[in-house]
Every structure is written in structure tokens, then in C-alpha cells.
Amino acid sequence: MPVPTRPEHHFAYDERKFEWYTGTVLAWLGDAKDAEATARNVVRRYENEDHYPRRLIASWLDLALVVAKESPDEAAHLAKMALSSNWLLPSSTWRVGELHGVLMRRDPKLSETRELHDRWITFLRRRNQSGTSYQF
């Protein structure tokens, strides 16, 4: 199919979105090597664009979940960036919680993990104060 003139339309094929989804699926399946390579590629692609910040954030979380075992400091840093953004969707927030749990079990004394923990608790308190109804 040709490249769509309006790729933000959900019913048009967007090969960049396909790669973004592929990274998420690979991360969920536990294919760490391919998931990491795909997520890093997607992050590089979207870091310098203003059009799709939610794709970038989701890719940060894909990458963070994949590298958490070998590089907990990088994983925590990526999650902190996602929490600090104004583009984190409720549908992606549970993934920050999942990563928080992984890192707290793995290395709770690591400074990056402690910083993520503090930001996560602050995020949850603000969410609860605002009366947001979604659950994780």
C-alpha cells in the first residue's frame, strides 16, 4: 500500500506504526534481543519528532522493560522520562508500575531505582488526588 497522506488515521497503513507495535509485541513475548533492537530503533526515529510523543513514550517503556534485567539504571531512567512527560496515557501507565515492581525487586537500593520509586509514588498520589478513575 502507498504511504498514507494522513498516517495518524488508524485505518491507514503506517509502516512506522507497524515497527512501533512490533517492538511492543516482542517485549511482551520476552524476545529481549529483537525487542531491544526494535525499541532502540523506534526511539531514535521518534526522539527528534514532535508528531508522535506517545509512540516515543511507549517505546521508552518497551526498552525499559527489556533492559531492566541487565541495565536497571537505564530502565529506571527511561521510566522516569515517561513519568515526567505530559504524554503518558493511562493505557501505558500500568507498564511503569510493572517496571517499578521489577526494579524494586531487583535492586531497590540503586539510586536510579530509588528516584523512580519517588516519582512513581508522587505520580500515584497526584492521580489519586485528581480523582482519575482508571486503575492499574
N, C-alpha and C. Protein backbone atom coordinates (compact mmCIF):
# COMPACT_ATOMS: atom_id res chain seq x y z
N MET A 1 0.84 -1.18 0.00
CA MET A 1 0.00 0.00 0.00
C MET A 1 0.89 1.24 0.00
N PRO A 2 0.39 2.31 -0.58
CA PRO A 2 1.19 3.55 -0.59
C PRO A 2 1.26 4.16 0.82
N VAL A 3 2.27 4.96 1.04
CA VAL A 3 2.39 5.67 2.31
C VAL A 3 1.21 6.63 2.40
N PRO A 4 0.48 6.61 3.51
CA PRO A 4 -0.71 7.46 3.62
C PRO A 4 -0.36 8.94 3.73
N THR A 5 -1.25 9.77 3.25
CA THR A 5 -1.04 11.21 3.37
C THR A 5 -1.36 11.68 4.78
N ARG A 6 -2.20 10.94 5.50
CA ARG A 6 -2.54 11.25 6.89
C ARG A 6 -2.29 10.00 7.74
N PRO A 7 -1.04 9.72 8.10
CA PRO A 7 -0.72 8.47 8.80
C PRO A 7 -1.30 8.38 10.20
N GLU A 8 -1.77 9.50 10.75
CA GLU A 8 -2.37 9.44 12.08
C GLU A 8 -3.73 8.76 12.06
N HIS A 9 -4.29 8.59 10.88
CA HIS A 9 -5.58 7.92 10.74
C HIS A 9 -5.39 6.43 11.04
N HIS A 10 -6.18 5.87 11.92
CA HIS A 10 -5.99 4.50 12.38
C HIS A 10 -6.31 3.45 11.32
N PHE A 11 -6.98 3.82 10.27
CA PHE A 11 -7.36 2.85 9.26
C PHE A 11 -6.51 2.95 8.00
N ALA A 12 -5.37 3.60 8.14
CA ALA A 12 -4.40 3.69 7.04
C ALA A 12 -3.14 2.98 7.49
N TYR A 13 -2.47 2.34 6.57
CA TYR A 13 -1.24 1.63 6.90
C TYR A 13 -0.12 2.63 7.12
N ASP A 14 0.55 2.50 8.23
CA ASP A 14 1.69 3.36 8.58
C ASP A 14 2.82 2.43 9.00
N GLU A 15 3.80 2.24 8.14
CA GLU A 15 4.86 1.27 8.44
C GLU A 15 5.61 1.63 9.71
N ARG A 16 5.68 2.91 10.06
CA ARG A 16 6.36 3.28 11.30
C ARG A 16 5.56 2.80 12.51
N LYS A 17 4.24 2.87 12.41
CA LYS A 17 3.42 2.37 13.50
C LYS A 17 3.58 0.85 13.62
N PHE A 18 3.73 0.18 12.50
CA PHE A 18 3.92 -1.26 12.49
C PHE A 18 5.19 -1.62 13.27
N GLU A 19 6.27 -0.89 13.04
CA GLU A 19 7.52 -1.16 13.76
C GLU A 19 7.35 -0.88 15.25
N TRP A 20 6.62 0.16 15.56
CA TRP A 20 6.34 0.51 16.96
C TRP A 20 5.58 -0.63 17.64
N TYR A 21 4.54 -1.12 17.01
CA TYR A 21 3.78 -2.25 17.55
C TYR A 21 4.66 -3.50 17.66
N THR A 22 5.52 -3.71 16.69
CA THR A 22 6.40 -4.88 16.71
C THR A 22 7.29 -4.86 17.95
N GLY A 23 7.84 -3.70 18.27
CA GLY A 23 8.67 -3.58 19.46
C GLY A 23 7.92 -3.94 20.73
N THR A 24 6.68 -3.49 20.83
CA THR A 24 5.87 -3.79 22.00
C THR A 24 5.58 -5.29 22.08
N VAL A 25 5.19 -5.88 20.98
CA VAL A 25 4.88 -7.31 20.96
C VAL A 25 6.11 -8.13 21.33
N LEU A 26 7.26 -7.80 20.76
CA LEU A 26 8.49 -8.53 21.08
C LEU A 26 8.84 -8.40 22.56
N ALA A 27 8.64 -7.21 23.12
CA ALA A 27 8.90 -7.02 24.56
C ALA A 27 7.96 -7.88 25.39
N TRP A 28 6.68 -7.91 25.05
CA TRP A 28 5.71 -8.72 25.78
C TRP A 28 6.01 -10.20 25.66
N LEU A 29 6.51 -10.62 24.52
CA LEU A 29 6.82 -12.03 24.30
C LEU A 29 8.14 -12.45 24.97
N GLY A 30 8.91 -11.46 25.41
CA GLY A 30 10.17 -11.76 26.07
C GLY A 30 11.33 -12.01 25.12
N ASP A 31 11.20 -11.59 23.88
CA ASP A 31 12.28 -11.71 22.90
C ASP A 31 13.21 -10.51 23.09
N ALA A 32 14.04 -10.60 24.13
CA ALA A 32 14.83 -9.45 24.56
C ALA A 32 15.73 -8.87 23.47
N LYS A 33 16.43 -9.72 22.75
CA LYS A 33 17.38 -9.22 21.75
C LYS A 33 16.67 -8.44 20.66
N ASP A 34 15.65 -9.03 20.04
CA ASP A 34 14.94 -8.34 18.96
C ASP A 34 14.12 -7.17 19.48
N ALA A 35 13.55 -7.32 20.67
CA ALA A 35 12.76 -6.23 21.25
C ALA A 35 13.64 -5.02 21.53
N GLU A 36 14.83 -5.26 22.07
CA GLU A 36 15.73 -4.15 22.35
C GLU A 36 16.15 -3.44 21.08
N ALA A 37 16.53 -4.20 20.07
CA ALA A 37 16.96 -3.59 18.80
C ALA A 37 15.83 -2.79 18.18
N THR A 38 14.64 -3.35 18.18
CA THR A 38 13.49 -2.65 17.59
C THR A 38 13.14 -1.41 18.39
N ALA A 39 13.08 -1.54 19.71
CA ALA A 39 12.74 -0.38 20.55
C ALA A 39 13.76 0.74 20.41
N ARG A 40 15.04 0.39 20.37
CA ARG A 40 16.07 1.43 20.20
C ARG A 40 15.92 2.13 18.85
N ASN A 41 15.60 1.37 17.83
CA ASN A 41 15.39 1.96 16.51
C ASN A 41 14.19 2.90 16.52
N VAL A 42 13.11 2.48 17.14
CA VAL A 42 11.90 3.32 17.20
C VAL A 42 12.18 4.57 18.03
N VAL A 43 12.87 4.42 19.15
CA VAL A 43 13.22 5.58 19.97
C VAL A 43 14.04 6.57 19.16
N ARG A 44 15.05 6.10 18.45
CA ARG A 44 15.87 7.00 17.61
C ARG A 44 14.99 7.74 16.59
N ARG A 45 14.07 7.01 16.02
CA ARG A 45 13.20 7.59 14.99
C ARG A 45 12.32 8.70 15.56
N TYR A 46 11.75 8.47 16.73
CA TYR A 46 10.78 9.42 17.27
C TYR A 46 11.37 10.47 18.20
N GLU A 47 12.61 10.32 18.63
CA GLU A 47 13.21 11.30 19.55
C GLU A 47 13.24 12.70 18.97
N ASN A 48 13.42 12.82 17.69
CA ASN A 48 13.56 14.13 17.08
C ASN A 48 12.29 14.61 16.38
N GLU A 49 11.18 13.97 16.68
CA GLU A 49 9.91 14.37 16.09
C GLU A 49 8.97 14.87 17.17
N ASP A 50 8.13 15.80 16.81
CA ASP A 50 7.11 16.29 17.73
C ASP A 50 5.75 15.66 17.45
N HIS A 51 5.65 14.91 16.37
CA HIS A 51 4.34 14.42 15.93
C HIS A 51 3.77 13.27 16.75
N TYR A 52 4.61 12.41 17.28
CA TYR A 52 4.13 11.19 17.92
C TYR A 52 4.78 10.96 19.29
N PRO A 53 4.58 11.87 20.24
CA PRO A 53 5.24 11.70 21.54
C PRO A 53 4.77 10.45 22.29
N ARG A 54 3.55 10.01 22.08
CA ARG A 54 3.07 8.82 22.79
C ARG A 54 3.76 7.56 22.28
N ARG A 55 4.10 7.53 21.01
CA ARG A 55 4.85 6.39 20.48
C ARG A 55 6.24 6.36 21.10
N LEU A 56 6.85 7.52 21.25
CA LEU A 56 8.17 7.59 21.87
C LEU A 56 8.10 7.09 23.30
N ILE A 57 7.13 7.54 24.05
CA ILE A 57 7.00 7.12 25.45
C ILE A 57 6.76 5.62 25.56
N ALA A 58 5.89 5.09 24.72
CA ALA A 58 5.65 3.64 24.73
C ALA A 58 6.92 2.88 24.38
N SER A 59 7.72 3.42 23.48
CA SER A 59 8.97 2.77 23.10
C SER A 59 9.99 2.85 24.22
N TRP A 60 10.00 3.96 24.96
CA TRP A 60 10.86 4.04 26.15
C TRP A 60 10.50 2.93 27.12
N LEU A 61 9.20 2.71 27.31
CA LEU A 61 8.75 1.68 28.25
C LEU A 61 9.05 0.28 27.73
N ASP A 62 8.88 0.06 26.42
CA ASP A 62 9.27 -1.23 25.84
C ASP A 62 10.74 -1.49 26.13
N LEU A 63 11.56 -0.51 25.82
CA LEU A 63 13.00 -0.64 26.00
C LEU A 63 13.34 -0.85 27.48
N ALA A 64 12.71 -0.09 28.33
CA ALA A 64 12.98 -0.20 29.77
C ALA A 64 12.66 -1.59 30.30
N LEU A 65 11.52 -2.13 29.90
CA LEU A 65 11.15 -3.46 30.37
C LEU A 65 12.11 -4.53 29.86
N VAL A 66 12.64 -4.33 28.66
CA VAL A 66 13.56 -5.31 28.08
C VAL A 66 14.94 -5.24 28.72
N VAL A 67 15.42 -4.03 29.04
CA VAL A 67 16.78 -3.90 29.56
C VAL A 67 16.84 -3.91 31.10
N ALA A 68 15.70 -4.01 31.76
CA ALA A 68 15.67 -3.91 33.22
C ALA A 68 16.58 -4.92 33.91
N LYS A 69 16.68 -6.10 33.37
CA LYS A 69 17.49 -7.15 33.99
C LYS A 69 18.98 -6.84 33.91
N GLU A 70 19.43 -6.41 32.74
CA GLU A 70 20.86 -6.17 32.53
C GLU A 70 21.30 -4.74 32.83
N SER A 71 20.38 -3.80 32.71
CA SER A 71 20.73 -2.39 32.87
C SER A 71 19.62 -1.66 33.64
N PRO A 72 19.48 -1.97 34.94
CA PRO A 72 18.39 -1.36 35.71
C PRO A 72 18.46 0.16 35.78
N ASP A 73 19.66 0.73 35.74
CA ASP A 73 19.78 2.18 35.78
C ASP A 73 19.19 2.81 34.52
N GLU A 74 19.46 2.22 33.35
CA GLU A 74 18.88 2.73 32.11
C GLU A 74 17.37 2.56 32.12
N ALA A 75 16.89 1.42 32.59
CA ALA A 75 15.45 1.16 32.65
C ALA A 75 14.75 2.19 33.53
N ALA A 76 15.31 2.45 34.70
CA ALA A 76 14.71 3.43 35.61
C ALA A 76 14.72 4.82 34.99
N HIS A 77 15.80 5.17 34.33
CA HIS A 77 15.90 6.48 33.68
C HIS A 77 14.81 6.64 32.62
N LEU A 78 14.61 5.62 31.79
CA LEU A 78 13.58 5.67 30.75
C LEU A 78 12.19 5.81 31.36
N ALA A 79 11.94 5.08 32.42
CA ALA A 79 10.63 5.17 33.08
C ALA A 79 10.42 6.54 33.71
N LYS A 80 11.46 7.12 34.28
CA LYS A 80 11.34 8.46 34.85
C LYS A 80 11.03 9.48 33.76
N MET A 81 11.63 9.32 32.59
CA MET A 81 11.32 10.23 31.48
C MET A 81 9.86 10.09 31.08
N ALA A 82 9.36 8.86 31.04
CA ALA A 82 7.95 8.65 30.69
C ALA A 82 7.04 9.31 31.71
N LEU A 83 7.34 9.13 32.99
CA LEU A 83 6.52 9.74 34.05
C LEU A 83 6.58 11.26 34.02
N SER A 84 7.71 11.80 33.63
CA SER A 84 7.89 13.26 33.61
C SER A 84 7.27 13.92 32.39
N SER A 85 6.93 13.13 31.41
CA SER A 85 6.35 13.70 30.19
C SER A 85 4.90 14.07 30.44
N ASN A 86 4.36 14.84 29.56
CA ASN A 86 2.93 15.18 29.64
C ASN A 86 2.10 14.30 28.73
N TRP A 87 2.69 13.24 28.23
CA TRP A 87 2.04 12.42 27.20
C TRP A 87 1.80 10.98 27.62
N LEU A 88 2.03 10.64 28.86
CA LEU A 88 1.83 9.28 29.31
C LEU A 88 0.33 8.98 29.40
N LEU A 89 -0.09 7.99 28.64
CA LEU A 89 -1.50 7.61 28.61
C LEU A 89 -1.84 6.64 29.74
N PRO A 90 -3.08 6.65 30.20
CA PRO A 90 -3.48 5.66 31.21
C PRO A 90 -3.21 4.23 30.75
N SER A 91 -3.36 3.99 29.46
CA SER A 91 -3.13 2.64 28.93
C SER A 91 -1.67 2.23 28.97
N SER A 92 -0.76 3.17 29.18
CA SER A 92 0.67 2.85 29.30
C SER A 92 1.16 2.95 30.73
N THR A 93 0.38 3.56 31.59
CA THR A 93 0.84 3.81 32.95
C THR A 93 1.08 2.52 33.73
N TRP A 94 0.25 1.51 33.51
CA TRP A 94 0.44 0.25 34.23
C TRP A 94 1.80 -0.35 33.94
N ARG A 95 2.36 -0.04 32.77
CA ARG A 95 3.67 -0.58 32.42
C ARG A 95 4.77 0.06 33.27
N VAL A 96 4.58 1.34 33.65
CA VAL A 96 5.53 1.96 34.56
C VAL A 96 5.45 1.25 35.91
N GLY A 97 4.23 0.94 36.34
CA GLY A 97 4.06 0.21 37.59
C GLY A 97 4.70 -1.16 37.54
N GLU A 98 4.57 -1.85 36.42
CA GLU A 98 5.20 -3.15 36.24
C GLU A 98 6.72 -3.02 36.33
N LEU A 99 7.27 -2.03 35.65
CA LEU A 99 8.71 -1.81 35.67
C LEU A 99 9.18 -1.43 37.08
N HIS A 100 8.42 -0.58 37.75
CA HIS A 100 8.74 -0.20 39.12
C HIS A 100 8.87 -1.45 39.99
N GLY A 101 7.91 -2.36 39.86
CA GLY A 101 7.97 -3.60 40.64
C GLY A 101 9.18 -4.45 40.32
N VAL A 102 9.50 -4.56 39.04
CA VAL A 102 10.68 -5.34 38.62
C VAL A 102 11.94 -4.74 39.23
N LEU A 103 12.08 -3.44 39.13
CA LEU A 103 13.30 -2.79 39.61
C LEU A 103 13.39 -2.80 41.14
N MET A 104 12.27 -2.65 41.81
CA MET A 104 12.28 -2.69 43.27
C MET A 104 12.65 -4.08 43.78
N ARG A 105 12.24 -5.11 43.07
CA ARG A 105 12.63 -6.47 43.47
C ARG A 105 14.09 -6.74 43.13
N ARG A 106 14.55 -6.19 42.02
CA ARG A 106 15.90 -6.49 41.54
C ARG A 106 16.97 -5.74 42.30
N ASP A 107 16.80 -4.43 42.45
CA ASP A 107 17.85 -3.62 43.07
C ASP A 107 17.24 -2.37 43.70
N PRO A 108 16.56 -2.52 44.84
CA PRO A 108 15.87 -1.38 45.44
C PRO A 108 16.79 -0.28 45.97
N LYS A 109 18.06 -0.59 46.14
CA LYS A 109 19.00 0.41 46.68
C LYS A 109 19.70 1.22 45.61
N LEU A 110 19.56 0.82 44.35
CA LEU A 110 20.16 1.57 43.25
C LEU A 110 19.56 2.97 43.23
N SER A 111 20.40 3.99 43.10
CA SER A 111 19.89 5.37 43.17
C SER A 111 18.83 5.65 42.11
N GLU A 112 19.01 5.14 40.90
CA GLU A 112 18.01 5.35 39.84
C GLU A 112 16.68 4.69 40.22
N THR A 113 16.75 3.51 40.84
CA THR A 113 15.53 2.84 41.28
C THR A 113 14.83 3.64 42.36
N ARG A 114 15.59 4.17 43.30
CA ARG A 114 15.00 5.00 44.38
C ARG A 114 14.34 6.24 43.79
N GLU A 115 15.01 6.88 42.82
CA GLU A 115 14.43 8.07 42.19
C GLU A 115 13.15 7.72 41.45
N LEU A 116 13.15 6.59 40.73
CA LEU A 116 11.93 6.15 40.06
C LEU A 116 10.83 5.88 41.08
N HIS A 117 11.18 5.22 42.16
CA HIS A 117 10.19 4.94 43.21
C HIS A 117 9.55 6.23 43.71
N ASP A 118 10.38 7.23 44.00
CA ASP A 118 9.85 8.51 44.49
C ASP A 118 8.92 9.16 43.45
N ARG A 119 9.32 9.15 42.20
CA ARG A 119 8.47 9.74 41.15
C ARG A 119 7.18 8.94 40.97
N TRP A 120 7.27 7.62 41.07
CA TRP A 120 6.09 6.78 40.91
C TRP A 120 5.09 7.05 42.04
N ILE A 121 5.56 7.14 43.25
CA ILE A 121 4.69 7.43 44.39
C ILE A 121 4.06 8.81 44.24
N THR A 122 4.84 9.78 43.83
CA THR A 122 4.32 11.13 43.60
C THR A 122 3.26 11.11 42.49
N PHE A 123 3.54 10.39 41.42
CA PHE A 123 2.59 10.27 40.32
C PHE A 123 1.27 9.67 40.80
N LEU A 124 1.36 8.59 41.56
CA LEU A 124 0.15 7.93 42.06
C LEU A 124 -0.65 8.84 43.00
N ARG A 125 0.04 9.57 43.85
CA ARG A 125 -0.65 10.50 44.76
C ARG A 125 -1.38 11.59 43.98
N ARG A 126 -0.70 12.16 42.98
CA ARG A 126 -1.35 13.19 42.15
C ARG A 126 -2.55 12.63 41.42
N ARG A 127 -2.40 11.42 40.88
CA ARG A 127 -3.50 10.79 40.17
C ARG A 127 -4.68 10.56 41.10
N ASN A 128 -4.41 10.09 42.30
CA ASN A 128 -5.48 9.85 43.26
C ASN A 128 -6.15 11.14 43.71
N GLN A 129 -5.36 12.21 43.87
CA GLN A 129 -5.91 13.50 44.26
C GLN A 129 -6.78 14.10 43.18
N SER A 130 -6.43 13.82 41.92
CA SER A 130 -7.18 14.39 40.81
C SER A 130 -8.49 13.64 40.58
N GLY A 131 -8.64 12.48 41.20
CA GLY A 131 -9.87 11.71 41.04
C GLY A 131 -9.94 10.94 39.75
N THR A 132 -8.81 10.71 39.10
CA THR A 132 -8.80 9.95 37.87
C THR A 132 -9.32 8.55 38.16
N SER A 133 -10.18 8.03 37.30
CA SER A 133 -10.87 6.79 37.61
C SER A 133 -10.19 5.54 37.09
N TYR A 134 -9.16 5.67 36.27
CA TYR A 134 -8.58 4.44 35.73
C TYR A 134 -7.74 3.73 36.78
N GLN A 135 -7.61 2.43 36.62
CA GLN A 135 -6.89 1.58 37.56
C GLN A 135 -5.69 0.94 36.86
N PHE A 136 -4.71 0.54 37.64
CA PHE A 136 -3.56 -0.19 37.09
C PHE A 136 -3.49 -1.52 37.80
